[in-house]
Amino acid sequence: MKIKDSIVLVTGANRGFAFTQVLLEMGAKKVYAAALSLTNDVRLSLNSKGVQV
């Protein structure tokens, strides 16, 4: 599967935010992640990596 320059949708992301980071590191152009809720720790971690939440 080609990841570089792709746009990715991750469902159930509240269990796999590390996976979204890996996709970005592999060159995904944009990653959309759907989650039921975010803890403050996860929100701050994502914001520190430049991810808009």
PDB file of N, CA and C in Angstrom:
ATOM      1  N   MET A   1       0.847  -1.176   0.000  1.00  0.00           N
ATOM      2  CA  MET A   1       0.000   0.000   0.000  1.00  0.00           C
ATOM      3  C   MET A   1       0.893   1.241   0.000  1.00  0.00           C
ATOM      4  N   LYS A   2       0.563   2.195  -0.828  1.00  0.00           N
ATOM      5  CA  LYS A   2       1.319   3.435  -0.916  1.00  0.00           C
ATOM      6  C   LYS A   2       0.811   4.421   0.150  1.00  0.00           C
ATOM      7  N   ILE A   3       1.695   4.860   1.030  1.00  0.00           N
ATOM      8  CA  ILE A   3       1.334   5.808   2.084  1.00  0.00           C
ATOM      9  C   ILE A   3       1.800   7.222   1.721  1.00  0.00           C
ATOM     10  N   LYS A   4       2.995   7.320   1.149  1.00  0.00           N
ATOM     11  CA  LYS A   4       3.566   8.633   0.835  1.00  0.00           C
ATOM     12  C   LYS A   4       2.611   9.451  -0.020  1.00  0.00           C
ATOM     13  N   ASP A   5       2.368  10.684   0.418  1.00  0.00           N
ATOM     14  CA  ASP A   5       1.509  11.656  -0.263  1.00  0.00           C
ATOM     15  C   ASP A   5       0.033  11.258  -0.309  1.00  0.00           C
ATOM     16  N   SER A   6      -0.366  10.271   0.484  1.00  0.00           N
ATOM     17  CA  SER A   6      -1.774   9.869   0.495  1.00  0.00           C
ATOM     18  C   SER A   6      -2.529  10.607   1.598  1.00  0.00           C
ATOM     19  N   ILE A   7      -3.838  10.572   1.500  1.00  0.00           N
ATOM     20  CA  ILE A   7      -4.718  11.102   2.541  1.00  0.00           C
ATOM     21  C   ILE A   7      -5.365   9.894   3.201  1.00  0.00           C
ATOM     22  N   VAL A   8      -5.249   9.803   4.534  1.00  0.00           N
ATOM     23  CA  VAL A   8      -5.635   8.600   5.266  1.00  0.00           C
ATOM     24  C   VAL A   8      -6.741   8.910   6.268  1.00  0.00           C
ATOM     25  N   LEU A   9      -7.695   7.995   6.382  1.00  0.00           N
ATOM     26  CA  LEU A   9      -8.744   8.083   7.399  1.00  0.00           C
ATOM     27  C   LEU A   9      -8.557   6.917   8.367  1.00  0.00           C
ATOM     28  N   VAL A  10      -8.392   7.244   9.653  1.00  0.00           N
ATOM     29  CA  VAL A  10      -8.246   6.225  10.691  1.00  0.00           C
ATOM     30  C   VAL A  10      -9.491   6.279  11.562  1.00  0.00           C
ATOM     31  N   THR A  11     -10.225   5.169  11.624  1.00  0.00           N
ATOM     32  CA  THR A  11     -11.395   5.112  12.494  1.00  0.00           C
ATOM     33  C   THR A  11     -11.006   4.381  13.773  1.00  0.00           C
ATOM     34  N   GLY A  12     -11.695   4.683  14.864  1.00  0.00           N
ATOM     35  CA  GLY A  12     -11.345   4.067  16.146  1.00  0.00           C
ATOM     36  C   GLY A  12      -9.996   4.526  16.639  1.00  0.00           C
ATOM     37  N   ALA A  13      -9.655   5.775  16.353  1.00  0.00           N
ATOM     38  CA  ALA A  13      -8.313   6.275  16.625  1.00  0.00           C
ATOM     39  C   ALA A  13      -8.014   6.460  18.107  1.00  0.00           C
ATOM     40  N   ASN A  14      -9.035   6.452  18.964  1.00  0.00           N
ATOM     41  CA  ASN A  14      -8.722   6.599  20.382  1.00  0.00           C
ATOM     42  C   ASN A  14      -7.940   5.392  20.899  1.00  0.00           C
ATOM     43  N   ARG A  15      -7.845   4.330  20.132  1.00  0.00           N
ATOM     44  CA  ARG A  15      -7.007   3.189  20.485  1.00  0.00           C
ATOM     45  C   ARG A  15      -5.687   3.207  19.718  1.00  0.00           C
ATOM     46  N   GLY A  16      -5.541   4.067  18.725  1.00  0.00           N
ATOM     47  CA  GLY A  16      -4.355   3.969  17.879  1.00  0.00           C
ATOM     48  C   GLY A  16      -3.752   5.280  17.444  1.00  0.00           C
ATOM     49  N   PHE A  17      -3.581   6.232  18.354  1.00  0.00           N
ATOM     50  CA  PHE A  17      -2.962   7.492  17.955  1.00  0.00           C
ATOM     51  C   PHE A  17      -1.506   7.307  17.570  1.00  0.00           C
ATOM     52  N   ALA A  18      -0.851   6.299  18.116  1.00  0.00           N
ATOM     53  CA  ALA A  18       0.528   6.022  17.703  1.00  0.00           C
ATOM     54  C   ALA A  18       0.561   5.650  16.227  1.00  0.00           C
ATOM     55  N   PHE A  19      -0.473   4.947  15.773  1.00  0.00           N
ATOM     56  CA  PHE A  19      -0.563   4.554  14.364  1.00  0.00           C
ATOM     57  C   PHE A  19      -0.665   5.796  13.472  1.00  0.00           C
ATOM     58  N   THR A  20      -1.407   6.802  13.908  1.00  0.00           N
ATOM     59  CA  THR A  20      -1.515   8.021  13.105  1.00  0.00           C
ATOM     60  C   THR A  20      -0.158   8.711  12.988  1.00  0.00           C
ATOM     61  N   GLN A  21       0.628   8.680  14.051  1.00  0.00           N
ATOM     62  CA  GLN A  21       1.964   9.267  14.012  1.00  0.00           C
ATOM     63  C   GLN A  21       2.852   8.515  13.026  1.00  0.00           C
ATOM     64  N   VAL A  22       2.764   7.206  13.014  1.00  0.00           N
ATOM     65  CA  VAL A  22       3.550   6.390  12.075  1.00  0.00           C
ATOM     66  C   VAL A  22       3.171   6.732  10.634  1.00  0.00           C
ATOM     67  N   LEU A  23       1.883   6.895  10.371  1.00  0.00           N
ATOM     68  CA  LEU A  23       1.442   7.253   9.021  1.00  0.00           C
ATOM     69  C   LEU A  23       2.039   8.588   8.581  1.00  0.00           C
ATOM     70  N   LEU A  24       2.067   9.562   9.484  1.00  0.00           N
ATOM     71  CA  LEU A  24       2.669  10.855   9.160  1.00  0.00           C
ATOM     72  C   LEU A  24       4.168  10.706   8.898  1.00  0.00           C
ATOM     73  N   GLU A  25       4.837   9.893   9.718  1.00  0.00           N
ATOM     74  CA  GLU A  25       6.274   9.668   9.517  1.00  0.00           C
ATOM     75  C   GLU A  25       6.555   8.953   8.207  1.00  0.00           C
ATOM     76  N   MET A  26       5.611   8.146   7.741  1.00  0.00           N
ATOM     77  CA  MET A  26       5.776   7.431   6.468  1.00  0.00           C
ATOM     78  C   MET A  26       5.463   8.317   5.269  1.00  0.00           C
ATOM     79  N   GLY A  27       5.069   9.561   5.526  1.00  0.00           N
ATOM     80  CA  GLY A  27       4.877  10.502   4.439  1.00  0.00           C
ATOM     81  C   GLY A  27       3.452  10.777   4.035  1.00  0.00           C
ATOM     82  N   ALA A  28       2.478  10.350   4.839  1.00  0.00           N
ATOM     83  CA  ALA A  28       1.088  10.666   4.514  1.00  0.00           C
ATOM     84  C   ALA A  28       0.931  12.180   4.455  1.00  0.00           C
ATOM     85  N   LYS A  29       0.234  12.627   3.440  1.00  0.00           N
ATOM     86  CA  LYS A  29       0.020  14.063   3.255  1.00  0.00           C
ATOM     87  C   LYS A  29      -0.886  14.619   4.353  1.00  0.00           C
ATOM     88  N   LYS A  30      -1.921  13.864   4.685  1.00  0.00           N
ATOM     89  CA  LYS A  30      -2.876  14.279   5.703  1.00  0.00           C
ATOM     90  C   LYS A  30      -3.477  13.029   6.333  1.00  0.00           C
ATOM     91  N   VAL A  31      -3.676  13.079   7.652  1.00  0.00           N
ATOM     92  CA  VAL A  31      -4.299  11.965   8.365  1.00  0.00           C
ATOM     93  C   VAL A  31      -5.506  12.501   9.125  1.00  0.00           C
ATOM     94  N   TYR A  32      -6.656  11.932   8.841  1.00  0.00           N
ATOM     95  CA  TYR A  32      -7.876  12.236   9.581  1.00  0.00           C
ATOM     96  C   TYR A  32      -8.109  11.092  10.549  1.00  0.00           C
ATOM     97  N   ALA A  33      -8.317  11.416  11.821  1.00  0.00           N
ATOM     98  CA  ALA A  33      -8.520  10.382  12.829  1.00  0.00           C
ATOM     99  C   ALA A  33      -9.832  10.640  13.558  1.00  0.00           C
ATOM    100  N   ALA A  34     -10.669   9.610  13.613  1.00  0.00           N
ATOM    101  CA  ALA A  34     -11.953   9.709  14.303  1.00  0.00           C
ATOM    102  C   ALA A  34     -11.849   8.996  15.645  1.00  0.00           C
ATOM    103  N   ALA A  35     -12.310   9.667  16.710  1.00  0.00           N
ATOM    104  CA  ALA A  35     -12.263   9.086  18.052  1.00  0.00           C
ATOM    105  C   ALA A  35     -13.497   9.531  18.827  1.00  0.00           C
ATOM    106  N   LEU A  36     -13.892   8.705  19.779  1.00  0.00           N
ATOM    107  CA  LEU A  36     -15.046   9.063  20.610  1.00  0.00           C
ATOM    108  C   LEU A  36     -14.726  10.226  21.532  1.00  0.00           C
ATOM    109  N   SER A  37     -13.560  10.188  22.150  1.00  0.00           N
ATOM    110  CA  SER A  37     -13.162  11.279  23.045  1.00  0.00           C
ATOM    111  C   SER A  37     -11.646  11.279  23.192  1.00  0.00           C
ATOM    112  N   LEU A  38     -11.112  12.417  23.570  1.00  0.00           N
ATOM    113  CA  LEU A  38      -9.672  12.556  23.768  1.00  0.00           C
ATOM    114  C   LEU A  38      -9.392  12.972  25.203  1.00  0.00           C
ATOM    115  N   THR A  39      -8.370  12.398  25.795  1.00  0.00           N
ATOM    116  CA  THR A  39      -7.931  12.870  27.103  1.00  0.00           C
ATOM    117  C   THR A  39      -7.047  14.097  26.878  1.00  0.00           C
ATOM    118  N   ASN A  40      -6.845  14.866  27.910  1.00  0.00           N
ATOM    119  CA  ASN A  40      -5.983  16.044  27.789  1.00  0.00           C
ATOM    120  C   ASN A  40      -4.565  15.651  27.403  1.00  0.00           C
ATOM    121  N   ASP A  41      -4.068  14.526  27.938  1.00  0.00           N
ATOM    122  CA  ASP A  41      -2.712  14.079  27.612  1.00  0.00           C
ATOM    123  C   ASP A  41      -2.559  13.803  26.126  1.00  0.00           C
ATOM    124  N   VAL A  42      -3.529  13.127  25.555  1.00  0.00           N
ATOM    125  CA  VAL A  42      -3.482  12.816  24.120  1.00  0.00           C
ATOM    126  C   VAL A  42      -3.584  14.100  23.313  1.00  0.00           C
ATOM    127  N   ARG A  43      -4.488  14.982  23.709  1.00  0.00           N
ATOM    128  CA  ARG A  43      -4.663  16.254  23.010  1.00  0.00           C
ATOM    129  C   ARG A  43      -3.363  17.062  23.018  1.00  0.00           C
ATOM    130  N   LEU A  44      -2.720  17.166  24.180  1.00  0.00           N
ATOM    131  CA  LEU A  44      -1.459  17.920  24.278  1.00  0.00           C
ATOM    132  C   LEU A  44      -0.355  17.261  23.475  1.00  0.00           C
ATOM    133  N   SER A  45      -0.296  15.938  23.497  1.00  0.00           N
ATOM    134  CA  SER A  45       0.725  15.221  22.729  1.00  0.00           C
ATOM    135  C   SER A  45       0.559  15.489  21.233  1.00  0.00           C
ATOM    136  N   LEU A  46      -0.665  15.424  20.752  1.00  0.00           N
ATOM    137  CA  LEU A  46      -0.920  15.671  19.340  1.00  0.00           C
ATOM    138  C   LEU A  46      -0.609  17.113  18.959  1.00  0.00           C
ATOM    139  N   ASN A  47      -1.027  18.045  19.795  1.00  0.00           N
ATOM    140  CA  ASN A  47      -0.743  19.459  19.517  1.00  0.00           C
ATOM    141  C   ASN A  47       0.750  19.736  19.457  1.00  0.00           C
ATOM    142  N   SER A  48       1.517  19.075  20.317  1.00  0.00           N
ATOM    143  CA  SER A  48       2.969  19.284  20.330  1.00  0.00           C
ATOM    144  C   SER A  48       3.628  18.776  19.051  1.00  0.00           C
ATOM    145  N   LYS A  49       2.952  17.868  18.344  1.00  0.00           N
ATOM    146  CA  LYS A  49       3.479  17.330  17.080  1.00  0.00           C
ATOM    147  C   LYS A  49       2.922  18.066  15.868  1.00  0.00           C
ATOM    148  N   GLY A  50       2.195  19.145  16.125  1.00  0.00           N
ATOM    149  CA  GLY A  50       1.659  19.938  15.030  1.00  0.00           C
ATOM    150  C   GLY A  50       0.342  19.447  14.486  1.00  0.00           C
ATOM    151  N   VAL A  51      -0.310  18.547  15.213  1.00  0.00           N
ATOM    152  CA  VAL A  51      -1.596  18.015  14.764  1.00  0.00           C
ATOM    153  C   VAL A  51      -2.709  18.870  15.337  1.00  0.00           C
ATOM    154  N   GLN A  52      -3.615  19.331  14.491  1.00  0.00           N
ATOM    155  CA  GLN A  52      -4.743  20.111  14.962  1.00  0.00           C
ATOM    156  C   GLN A  52      -5.815  19.178  15.496  1.00  0.00           C
ATOM    157  N   VAL A  53      -6.302  19.487  16.686  1.00  0.00           N
ATOM    158  CA  VAL A  53      -7.315  18.654  17.328  1.00  0.00           C
ATOM    159  C   VAL A  53      -8.566  19.493  17.551  1.00  0.00           C
TER     160      VAL A  53
END
